[in-house]
C-alpha atoms as a PDB file:
ATOM      1  CA  MET A   1     127.061  83.432  78.949  1.00  0.00           C
ATOM      2  CA  ALA A   2     126.108  86.532  76.939  1.00  0.00           C
ATOM      3  CA  GLY A   3     122.532  87.529  76.204  1.00  0.00           C
ATOM      4  CA  ARG A   4     120.982  86.108  79.360  1.00  0.00           C
ATOM      5  CA  MET A   5     118.331  88.861  79.336  1.00  0.00           C
ATOM      6  CA  GLU A   6     117.855  89.077  75.569  1.00  0.00           C
ATOM      7  CA  GLY A   7     114.368  90.300  74.636  1.00  0.00           C
ATOM      8  CA  LYS A   8     113.411  90.996  78.250  1.00  0.00           C
ATOM      9  CA  VAL A   9     112.506  94.181  80.100  1.00  0.00           C
ATOM     10  CA  ALA A  10     113.780  95.005  83.595  1.00  0.00           C
ATOM     11  CA  PHE A  11     112.237  97.518  86.015  1.00  0.00           C
ATOM     12  CA  ILE A  12     114.795  98.985  88.429  1.00  0.00           C
ATOM     13  CA  THR A  13     114.120 101.420  91.272  1.00  0.00           C
ATOM     14  CA  GLY A  14     116.866 103.647  92.634  1.00  0.00           C
ATOM     15  CA  ALA A  15     118.509 103.474  89.226  1.00  0.00           C
ATOM     16  CA  ALA A  16     120.258 106.850  89.112  1.00  0.00           C
ATOM     17  CA  ARG A  17     123.504 105.671  90.693  1.00  0.00           C
ATOM     18  CA  GLY A  18     125.109 102.965  92.802  1.00  0.00           C
ATOM     19  CA  GLN A  19     123.655  99.468  92.694  1.00  0.00           C
ATOM     20  CA  GLY A  20     120.679 100.594  90.618  1.00  0.00           C
ATOM     21  CA  ARG A  21     122.845 102.052  87.873  1.00  0.00           C
ATOM     22  CA  SER A  22     125.089  99.004  87.952  1.00  0.00           C
ATOM     23  CA  HIS A  23     122.039  96.745  87.548  1.00  0.00           C
ATOM     24  CA  ALA A  24     120.655  98.822  84.678  1.00  0.00           C
ATOM     25  CA  VAL A  25     123.889  98.882  82.691  1.00  0.00           C
ATOM     26  CA  ARG A  26     124.785  95.228  83.243  1.00  0.00           C
ATOM     27  CA  PHE A  27     121.292  94.001  82.409  1.00  0.00           C
ATOM     28  CA  ALA A  28     121.356  96.120  79.252  1.00  0.00           C
ATOM     29  CA  GLU A  29     124.701  94.544  78.312  1.00  0.00           C
ATOM     30  CA  GLU A  30     122.937  91.181  78.635  1.00  0.00           C
ATOM     31  CA  GLY A  31     120.192  92.264  76.229  1.00  0.00           C
ATOM     32  CA  ALA A  32     117.487  93.796  78.439  1.00  0.00           C
ATOM     33  CA  ASP A  33     115.616  97.026  77.887  1.00  0.00           C
ATOM     34  CA  ILE A  34     115.293  99.053  81.083  1.00  0.00           C
ATOM     35  CA  ILE A  35     112.575 100.916  82.958  1.00  0.00           C
ATOM     36  CA  ALA A  36     114.418 103.090  85.475  1.00  0.00           C
ATOM     37  CA  VAL A  37     113.084 105.291  88.266  1.00  0.00           C
ATOM     38  CA  ASP A  38     114.694 107.323  91.027  1.00  0.00           C
ATOM     39  CA  LEU A  39     113.564 109.964  93.512  1.00  0.00           C
ATOM     40  CA  CYS A  40     116.334 112.385  92.450  1.00  0.00           C
ATOM     41  CA  GLU A  41     115.752 114.471  95.582  1.00  0.00           C
ATOM     42  CA  ASP A  42     117.161 114.530  99.095  1.00  0.00           C
ATOM     43  CA  ILE A  43     115.295 113.282 102.168  1.00  0.00           C
ATOM     44  CA  ALA A  44     115.801 115.431 105.277  1.00  0.00           C
ATOM     45  CA  SER A  45     116.513 112.534 107.641  1.00  0.00           C
ATOM     46  CA  VAL A  46     119.184 111.038 105.360  1.00  0.00           C
ATOM     47  CA  PRO A  47     122.627 112.451 106.226  1.00  0.00           C
ATOM     48  CA  TYR A  48     124.140 112.266 102.749  1.00  0.00           C
ATOM     49  CA  PRO A  49     123.079 113.663  99.347  1.00  0.00           C
ATOM     50  CA  LEU A  50     120.832 111.384  97.330  1.00  0.00           C
ATOM     51  CA  ALA A  51     120.982 110.950  93.568  1.00  0.00           C
ATOM     52  CA  THR A  52     120.104 113.784  91.212  1.00  0.00           C
ATOM     53  CA  GLU A  53     118.357 114.098  87.867  1.00  0.00           C
ATOM     54  CA  GLU A  54     121.805 114.468  86.312  1.00  0.00           C
ATOM     55  CA  ASP A  55     122.744 111.101  87.799  1.00  0.00           C
ATOM     56  CA  LEU A  56     119.655 109.544  86.224  1.00  0.00           C
ATOM     57  CA  LYS A  57     120.572 111.087  82.870  1.00  0.00           C
ATOM     58  CA  GLU A  58     123.993 109.466  83.146  1.00  0.00           C
ATOM     59  CA  THR A  59     122.354 106.083  83.709  1.00  0.00           C
ATOM     60  CA  VAL A  60     120.316 106.692  80.562  1.00  0.00           C
ATOM     61  CA  ARG A  61     123.470 107.551  78.630  1.00  0.00           C
ATOM     62  CA  LEU A  62     125.279 104.422  79.820  1.00  0.00           C
ATOM     63  CA  VAL A  63     122.367 102.117  78.990  1.00  0.00           C
ATOM     64  CA  GLU A  64     121.873 103.657  75.555  1.00  0.00           C
ATOM     65  CA  ALA A  65     125.598 103.196  74.887  1.00  0.00           C
ATOM     66  CA  THR A  66     124.983  99.425  75.053  1.00  0.00           C
ATOM     67  CA  GLY A  67     122.449  99.723  72.234  1.00  0.00           C
ATOM     68  CA  ARG A  68     119.444  98.960  74.435  1.00  0.00           C
ATOM     69  CA  ARG A  69     116.393 101.111  75.120  1.00  0.00           C
ATOM     70  CA  ILE A  70     115.624 102.788  78.430  1.00  0.00           C
ATOM     71  CA  HIS A  71     112.544 104.560  79.795  1.00  0.00           C
ATOM     72  CA  ALA A  72     113.731 106.671  82.741  1.00  0.00           C
ATOM     73  CA  VAL A  73     111.417 108.679  85.005  1.00  0.00           C
ATOM     74  CA  LYS A  74     111.787 110.688  88.188  1.00  0.00           C
ATOM     75  CA  ALA A  75     109.489 108.849  90.626  1.00  0.00           C
ATOM     76  CA  ASP A  76     109.222 108.191  94.356  1.00  0.00           C
ATOM     77  CA  VAL A  77     108.757 104.594  95.562  1.00  0.00           C
ATOM     78  CA  ARG A  78     106.704 105.987  98.474  1.00  0.00           C
ATOM     79  CA  ASP A  79     104.122 107.322  96.006  1.00  0.00           C
ATOM     80  CA  ILE A  80     102.408 104.239  94.621  1.00  0.00           C
ATOM     81  CA  ASP A  81     100.266 106.154  92.111  1.00  0.00           C
ATOM     82  CA  GLY A  82     103.225 108.018  90.632  1.00  0.00           C
ATOM     83  CA  LEU A  83     105.289 104.837  90.609  1.00  0.00           C
ATOM     84  CA  ARG A  84     102.520 102.894  88.869  1.00  0.00           C
ATOM     85  CA  LYS A  85     102.233 105.616  86.215  1.00  0.00           C
ATOM     86  CA  ALA A  86     105.984 105.444  85.565  1.00  0.00           C
ATOM     87  CA  LEU A  87     105.934 101.658  85.242  1.00  0.00           C
ATOM     88  CA  ASP A  88     102.792 101.534  83.094  1.00  0.00           C
ATOM     89  CA  GLU A  89     104.287 104.097  80.716  1.00  0.00           C
ATOM     90  CA  GLY A  90     107.523 102.100  80.570  1.00  0.00           C
ATOM     91  CA  VAL A  91     105.716  98.869  79.785  1.00  0.00           C
ATOM     92  CA  ALA A  92     103.677 100.641  77.109  1.00  0.00           C
ATOM     93  CA  ALA A  93     106.885 101.976  75.555  1.00  0.00           C
ATOM     94  CA  LEU A  94     108.951  98.770  75.789  1.00  0.00           C
ATOM     95  CA  GLY A  95     106.219  96.174  75.376  1.00  0.00           C
ATOM     96  CA  ARG A  96     106.407  93.925  78.437  1.00  0.00           C
ATOM     97  CA  LEU A  97     107.885  93.342  81.896  1.00  0.00           C
ATOM     98  CA  ASP A  98     110.006  90.347  82.898  1.00  0.00           C
ATOM     99  CA  PHE A  99     112.140  91.342  85.869  1.00  0.00           C
ATOM    100  CA  VAL A 100     111.891  93.691  88.856  1.00  0.00           C
ATOM    101  CA  SER A 101     114.730  94.983  91.018  1.00  0.00           C
ATOM    102  CA  ALA A 102     113.241  96.627  94.120  1.00  0.00           C
ATOM    103  CA  ASN A 103     116.532  98.330  94.852  1.00  0.00           C
ATOM    104  CA  ALA A 104     115.746 101.859  96.100  1.00  0.00           C
ATOM    105  CA  GLY A 105     116.813 102.350  99.701  1.00  0.00           C
ATOM    106  CA  ILE A 106     118.307 104.692 102.274  1.00  0.00           C
ATOM    107  CA  VAL A 107     120.542 104.530 105.345  1.00  0.00           C
ATOM    108  CA  SER A 108     120.096 107.005 108.183  1.00  0.00           C
ATOM    109  CA  GLY A 109     120.002 107.691 111.905  1.00  0.00           C
ATOM    110  CA  PHE A 110     122.465 105.221 113.413  1.00  0.00           C
ATOM    111  CA  VAL A 111     121.523 105.896 117.042  1.00  0.00           C
ATOM    112  CA  LYS A 112     119.986 104.023 119.969  1.00  0.00           C
ATOM    113  CA  ALA A 113     116.287 103.238 119.704  1.00  0.00           C
ATOM    114  CA  ASP A 114     115.248 105.518 122.548  1.00  0.00           C
ATOM    115  CA  VAL A 115     116.691 108.615 120.878  1.00  0.00           C
ATOM    116  CA  LEU A 116     115.814 107.772 117.268  1.00  0.00           C
ATOM    117  CA  GLU A 117     113.720 110.557 115.754  1.00  0.00           C
ATOM    118  CA  GLN A 118     110.198 109.487 114.828  1.00  0.00           C
ATOM    119  CA  GLN A 119     110.499 111.014 111.354  1.00  0.00           C
ATOM    120  CA  THR A 120     113.706 109.081 110.760  1.00  0.00           C
ATOM    121  CA  TRP A 121     111.850 105.857 111.634  1.00  0.00           C
ATOM    122  CA  LEU A 122     108.955 106.747 109.329  1.00  0.00           C
ATOM    123  CA  ASP A 123     111.211 107.670 106.407  1.00  0.00           C
ATOM    124  CA  MET A 124     113.139 104.414 106.767  1.00  0.00           C
ATOM    125  CA  ILE A 125     110.042 102.218 106.807  1.00  0.00           C
ATOM    126  CA  ASP A 126     108.385 104.223 104.020  1.00  0.00           C
ATOM    127  CA  VAL A 127     111.342 103.894 101.641  1.00  0.00           C
ATOM    128  CA  ASN A 128     112.981 100.590 102.577  1.00  0.00           C
ATOM    129  CA  LEU A 129     109.873  98.515 103.233  1.00  0.00           C
ATOM    130  CA  THR A 130     106.708 100.196 101.949  1.00  0.00           C
ATOM    131  CA  GLY A 131     108.616 101.350  98.855  1.00  0.00           C
ATOM    132  CA  VAL A 132     109.583  97.739  98.137  1.00  0.00           C
ATOM    133  CA  TRP A 133     105.968  96.634  98.632  1.00  0.00           C
ATOM    134  CA  ASN A 134     104.738  99.382  96.290  1.00  0.00           C
ATOM    135  CA  THR A 135     107.246  98.295  93.645  1.00  0.00           C
ATOM    136  CA  CYS A 136     106.152  94.678  93.842  1.00  0.00           C
ATOM    137  CA  LYS A 137     102.441  95.431  93.944  1.00  0.00           C
ATOM    138  CA  ILE A 138     102.386  97.517  90.775  1.00  0.00           C
ATOM    139  CA  ALA A 139     104.637  95.066  88.924  1.00  0.00           C
ATOM    140  CA  ILE A 140     102.650  91.890  89.626  1.00  0.00           C
ATOM    141  CA  PRO A 141      99.924  92.479  86.981  1.00  0.00           C
ATOM    142  CA  HIS A 142     102.561  93.051  84.290  1.00  0.00           C
ATOM    143  CA  LEU A 143     104.517  89.925  85.265  1.00  0.00           C
ATOM    144  CA  LYS A 144     101.321  87.867  85.228  1.00  0.00           C
ATOM    145  CA  ALA A 145     100.539  89.245  81.774  1.00  0.00           C
ATOM    146  CA  ALA A 146     103.969  88.074  80.588  1.00  0.00           C
ATOM    147  CA  GLY A 147     103.229  84.557  81.860  1.00  0.00           C
ATOM    148  CA  ALA A 148     106.306  84.391  84.103  1.00  0.00           C
ATOM    149  CA  GLY A 149     108.897  86.620  85.689  1.00  0.00           C
ATOM    150  CA  SER A 150     111.282  87.292  88.517  1.00  0.00           C
ATOM    151  CA  MET A 151     111.631  89.850  91.287  1.00  0.00           C
ATOM    152  CA  VAL A 152     114.668  90.450  93.477  1.00  0.00           C
ATOM    153  CA  LEU A 153     114.188  92.573  96.585  1.00  0.00           C
ATOM    154  CA  THR A 154     117.266  94.287  97.979  1.00  0.00           C
ATOM    155  CA  SER A 155     117.595  93.681 101.697  1.00  0.00           C
ATOM    156  CA  SER A 156     120.864  93.639 103.672  1.00  0.00           C
ATOM    157  CA  VAL A 157     122.850  91.461 106.025  1.00  0.00           C
ATOM    158  CA  MET A 158     120.823  93.468 108.562  1.00  0.00           C
ATOM    159  CA  GLY A 159     117.770  91.698 107.154  1.00  0.00           C
ATOM    160  CA  LEU A 160     119.151  88.420 108.499  1.00  0.00           C
ATOM    161  CA  SER A 161     120.937  89.672 111.613  1.00  0.00           C
ATOM    162  CA  VAL A 162     120.991  92.712 113.888  1.00  0.00           C
ATOM    163  CA  ALA A 163     123.459  95.213 115.305  1.00  0.00           C
ATOM    164  CA  GLU A 164     123.242  98.083 117.728  1.00  0.00           C
ATOM    165  CA  ASN A 165     122.000 101.429 116.420  1.00  0.00           C
ATOM    166  CA  THR A 166     120.110  99.850 113.502  1.00  0.00           C
ATOM    167  CA  VAL A 167     116.632  99.292 114.945  1.00  0.00           C
ATOM    168  CA  HIS A 168     114.765 101.061 112.117  1.00  0.00           C
ATOM    169  CA  TYR A 169     117.046  99.786 109.346  1.00  0.00           C
ATOM    170  CA  ALA A 170     117.066  96.176 110.597  1.00  0.00           C
ATOM    171  CA  THR A 171     113.286  96.253 111.057  1.00  0.00           C
ATOM    172  CA  ALA A 172     112.726  97.424 107.478  1.00  0.00           C
ATOM    173  CA  LYS A 173     115.220  94.968 106.014  1.00  0.00           C
ATOM    174  CA  HIS A 174     113.813  92.029 108.023  1.00  0.00           C
ATOM    175  CA  GLY A 175     110.392  93.053 106.730  1.00  0.00           C
ATOM    176  CA  VAL A 176     111.675  92.751 103.166  1.00  0.00           C
ATOM    177  CA  VAL A 177     112.504  89.082 103.834  1.00  0.00           C
ATOM    178  CA  GLY A 178     108.978  88.375 105.076  1.00  0.00           C
ATOM    179  CA  LEU A 179     107.541  90.163 102.064  1.00  0.00           C
ATOM    180  CA  MET A 180     109.789  88.180  99.721  1.00  0.00           C
ATOM    181  CA  LYS A 181     108.792  84.820 101.182  1.00  0.00           C
ATOM    182  CA  ALA A 182     105.071  85.609 101.193  1.00  0.00           C
ATOM    183  CA  LEU A 183     105.161  86.795  97.590  1.00  0.00           C
ATOM    184  CA  ALA A 184     107.273  83.827  96.480  1.00  0.00           C
ATOM    185  CA  LEU A 185     104.652  81.429  97.810  1.00  0.00           C
ATOM    186  CA  GLU A 186     101.699  83.382  96.458  1.00  0.00           C
ATOM    187  CA  LEU A 187     103.145  83.966  92.996  1.00  0.00           C
ATOM    188  CA  ALA A 188     104.710  80.544  92.408  1.00  0.00           C
ATOM    189  CA  PRO A 189     101.610  79.224  90.565  1.00  0.00           C
ATOM    190  CA  HIS A 190     102.083  82.088  88.088  1.00  0.00           C
ATOM    191  CA  ARG A 191     105.750  81.128  87.497  1.00  0.00           C
ATOM    192  CA  ILE A 192     106.842  84.381  89.078  1.00  0.00           C
ATOM    193  CA  ARG A 193     109.921  83.886  91.246  1.00  0.00           C
ATOM    194  CA  VAL A 194     110.729  86.183  94.176  1.00  0.00           C
ATOM    195  CA  ASN A 195     114.072  86.261  96.001  1.00  0.00           C
ATOM    196  CA  SER A 196     116.053  88.709  98.111  1.00  0.00           C
ATOM    197  CA  VAL A 197     119.711  89.709  98.074  1.00  0.00           C
ATOM    198  CA  HIS A 198     121.634  90.671 101.201  1.00  0.00           C
ATOM    199  CA  PRO A 199     124.764  92.798 100.756  1.00  0.00           C
ATOM    200  CA  THR A 200     127.323  93.419 103.438  1.00  0.00           C
ATOM    201  CA  THR A 201     128.880  96.904 103.667  1.00  0.00           C
ATOM    202  CA  LEU A 202     129.418  98.308 100.180  1.00  0.00           C
ATOM    203  CA  ALA A 203     131.800 100.837  98.742  1.00  0.00           C
ATOM    204  CA  SER A 204     129.081 103.421  98.015  1.00  0.00           C
ATOM    205  CA  ASP A 205     127.725 106.887  98.751  1.00  0.00           C
ATOM    206  CA  MET A 206     125.509 105.259 101.400  1.00  0.00           C
ATOM    207  CA  THR A 207     128.678 104.207 103.216  1.00  0.00           C
ATOM    208  CA  PHE A 208     131.187 106.959 102.547  1.00  0.00           C
ATOM    209  CA  ASN A 209     129.792 109.739 104.757  1.00  0.00           C
ATOM    210  CA  GLN A 210     130.614 111.203 108.144  1.00  0.00           C
ATOM    211  CA  PRO A 211     127.737 109.672 110.178  1.00  0.00           C
ATOM    212  CA  THR A 212     128.817 106.200 109.072  1.00  0.00           C
ATOM    213  CA  TYR A 213     132.439 106.941 109.939  1.00  0.00           C
ATOM    214  CA  ASP A 214     131.320 108.100 113.401  1.00  0.00           C
ATOM    215  CA  ILE A 215     129.375 104.883 114.047  1.00  0.00           C
ATOM    216  CA  PHE A 216     132.222 102.633 112.963  1.00  0.00           C
ATOM    217  CA  ARG A 217     134.902 104.593 114.836  1.00  0.00           C
ATOM    218  CA  PRO A 218     133.388 105.909 118.088  1.00  0.00           C
ATOM    219  CA  ASP A 219     136.922 105.857 119.515  1.00  0.00           C
ATOM    220  CA  LEU A 220     137.872 108.858 117.368  1.00  0.00           C
ATOM    221  CA  GLU A 221     136.781 112.488 117.533  1.00  0.00           C
ATOM    222  CA  GLN A 222     136.586 113.114 113.762  1.00  0.00           C
ATOM    223  CA  PRO A 223     137.118 109.796 111.978  1.00  0.00           C
ATOM    224  CA  THR A 224     138.020 109.929 108.306  1.00  0.00           C
ATOM    225  CA  LYS A 225     137.257 107.592 105.421  1.00  0.00           C
ATOM    226  CA  GLU A 226     140.616 105.951 105.988  1.00  0.00           C
ATOM    227  CA  ASP A 227     139.775 105.417 109.679  1.00  0.00           C
ATOM    228  CA  PHE A 228     136.450 103.875 108.673  1.00  0.00           C
ATOM    229  CA  LEU A 229     138.132 101.511 106.213  1.00  0.00           C
ATOM    230  CA  VAL A 230     140.369 100.192 108.992  1.00  0.00           C
ATOM    231  CA  ALA A 231     137.269  99.171 110.966  1.00  0.00           C
ATOM    232  CA  ALA A 232     135.394  97.957 107.872  1.00  0.00           C
ATOM    233  CA  ALA A 233     138.244  95.584 107.067  1.00  0.00           C
ATOM    234  CA  THR A 234     137.311  93.588 110.193  1.00  0.00           C
ATOM    235  CA  LEU A 235     133.636  93.090 109.211  1.00  0.00           C
ATOM    236  CA  ASN A 236     133.924  90.065 106.944  1.00  0.00           C
ATOM    237  CA  PRO A 237     135.868  86.813 107.312  1.00  0.00           C
ATOM    238  CA  MET A 238     137.015  86.999 103.692  1.00  0.00           C
ATOM    239  CA  PRO A 239     139.883  89.475 103.304  1.00  0.00           C
ATOM    240  CA  GLY A 240     139.835  92.261 100.750  1.00  0.00           C
ATOM    241  CA  ASP A 241     138.285  95.592 100.025  1.00  0.00           C
ATOM    242  CA  LEU A 242     134.611  96.454 100.505  1.00  0.00           C
ATOM    243  CA  ILE A 243     132.340  94.685  98.039  1.00  0.00           C
ATOM    244  CA  GLU A 244     131.318  96.628  94.935  1.00  0.00           C
ATOM    245  CA  ASP A 245     127.991  97.344  93.248  1.00  0.00           C
ATOM    246  CA  ILE A 246     128.825  94.872  90.489  1.00  0.00           C
ATOM    247  CA  ASP A 247     129.040  92.042  93.035  1.00  0.00           C
ATOM    248  CA  ILE A 248     125.361  92.586  93.866  1.00  0.00           C
ATOM    249  CA  THR A 249     124.496  93.028  90.194  1.00  0.00           C
ATOM    250  CA  ASN A 250     126.035  89.672  89.328  1.00  0.00           C
ATOM    251  CA  ALA A 251     123.871  87.973  91.971  1.00  0.00           C
ATOM    252  CA  LEU A 252     120.763  89.683  90.578  1.00  0.00           C
ATOM    253  CA  LEU A 253     121.645  88.697  87.039  1.00  0.00           C
ATOM    254  CA  PHE A 254     121.840  85.047  88.049  1.00  0.00           C
ATOM    255  CA  LEU A 255     118.542  85.183  89.961  1.00  0.00           C
ATOM    256  CA  ALA A 256     116.846  86.949  87.033  1.00  0.00           C
ATOM    257  CA  SER A 257     118.125  84.529  84.413  1.00  0.00           C
ATOM    258  CA  ASP A 258     116.775  81.181  83.288  1.00  0.00           C
ATOM    259  CA  GLU A 259     119.737  79.599  85.079  1.00  0.00           C
ATOM    260  CA  ALA A 260     117.771  80.213  88.300  1.00  0.00           C
ATOM    261  CA  ARG A 261     114.406  79.146  86.886  1.00  0.00           C
ATOM    262  CA  TYR A 262     113.519  77.007  89.921  1.00  0.00           C
ATOM    263  CA  ILE A 263     115.025  79.241  92.604  1.00  0.00           C
ATOM    264  CA  THR A 264     112.397  81.155  94.562  1.00  0.00           C
ATOM    265  CA  GLY A 265     111.888  82.217  98.168  1.00  0.00           C
ATOM    266  CA  VAL A 266     115.645  82.399  98.776  1.00  0.00           C
ATOM    267  CA  ALA A 267     117.516  85.011 100.820  1.00  0.00           C
ATOM    268  CA  LEU A 268     120.925  85.190  99.103  1.00  0.00           C
ATOM    269  CA  PRO A 269     123.769  86.869 101.028  1.00  0.00           C
ATOM    270  CA  VAL A 270     126.555  88.590  99.124  1.00  0.00           C
ATOM    271  CA  ASP A 271     128.533  89.226 102.252  1.00  0.00           C
ATOM    272  CA  ALA A 272     132.106  87.837 102.132  1.00  0.00           C
ATOM    273  CA  GLY A 273     131.097  85.577 105.030  1.00  0.00           C
ATOM    274  CA  ASN A 274     129.739  88.385 107.230  1.00  0.00           C
ATOM    275  CA  LEU A 275     126.766  86.384 108.475  1.00  0.00           C
ATOM    276  CA  LEU A 276     129.059  83.579 109.645  1.00  0.00           C
END
């Protein structure tokens, strides 16, 4: 069904690459104009390079190639004032706000709780939980002004389960579920729906890095991507490759659309059966 987001405006955090870029481009293909933000800087506790300003420019190029408008700004979800300024300017430029993807997130520090660095804990909570809260908080007035809307908060299968070496990540992602449910109840009278999406391991820059390989293959001295993929193939009951960004985007598109107009407060796994 083409045009599911026709005439609407979507606000997407972490939009410079990965899931965020996929969301921005696909929503634009369905008729939405886009407000896109990304940190475009590295964080010291994160063991892989984060997106760059050039990545964000590429998202802009891809969205504009669909014929839709995009307002893209370098902004940090941990900085609520800067994030609010970016969103307010985007709404002023594009006229309204209908959908929010609180997508920005990091993965770091896969170690036991007793040796986890305090700064690594703080960075994880600040980005993956407080950053989601900041995104929702600044968006609510705009969604109320529109008379209805939808938010999808990106959690993880680790928001509905736990594993060793993920204490900070699982805590943040479980917190996202509590935030989603509380907001869904509070905002329902305003016809604002709030749901969360829970990906299993993705084929992404967050996954394809040496610290992740080391966690998945502790039996090897210097595991490679190929070694990691052997272990990753055992994660999900459904056979096949790792899920892709577009698989998460398709779930968001459904939750954002009028097809899901009475779906709120739902934690939706996209996990190839992982949680089973």
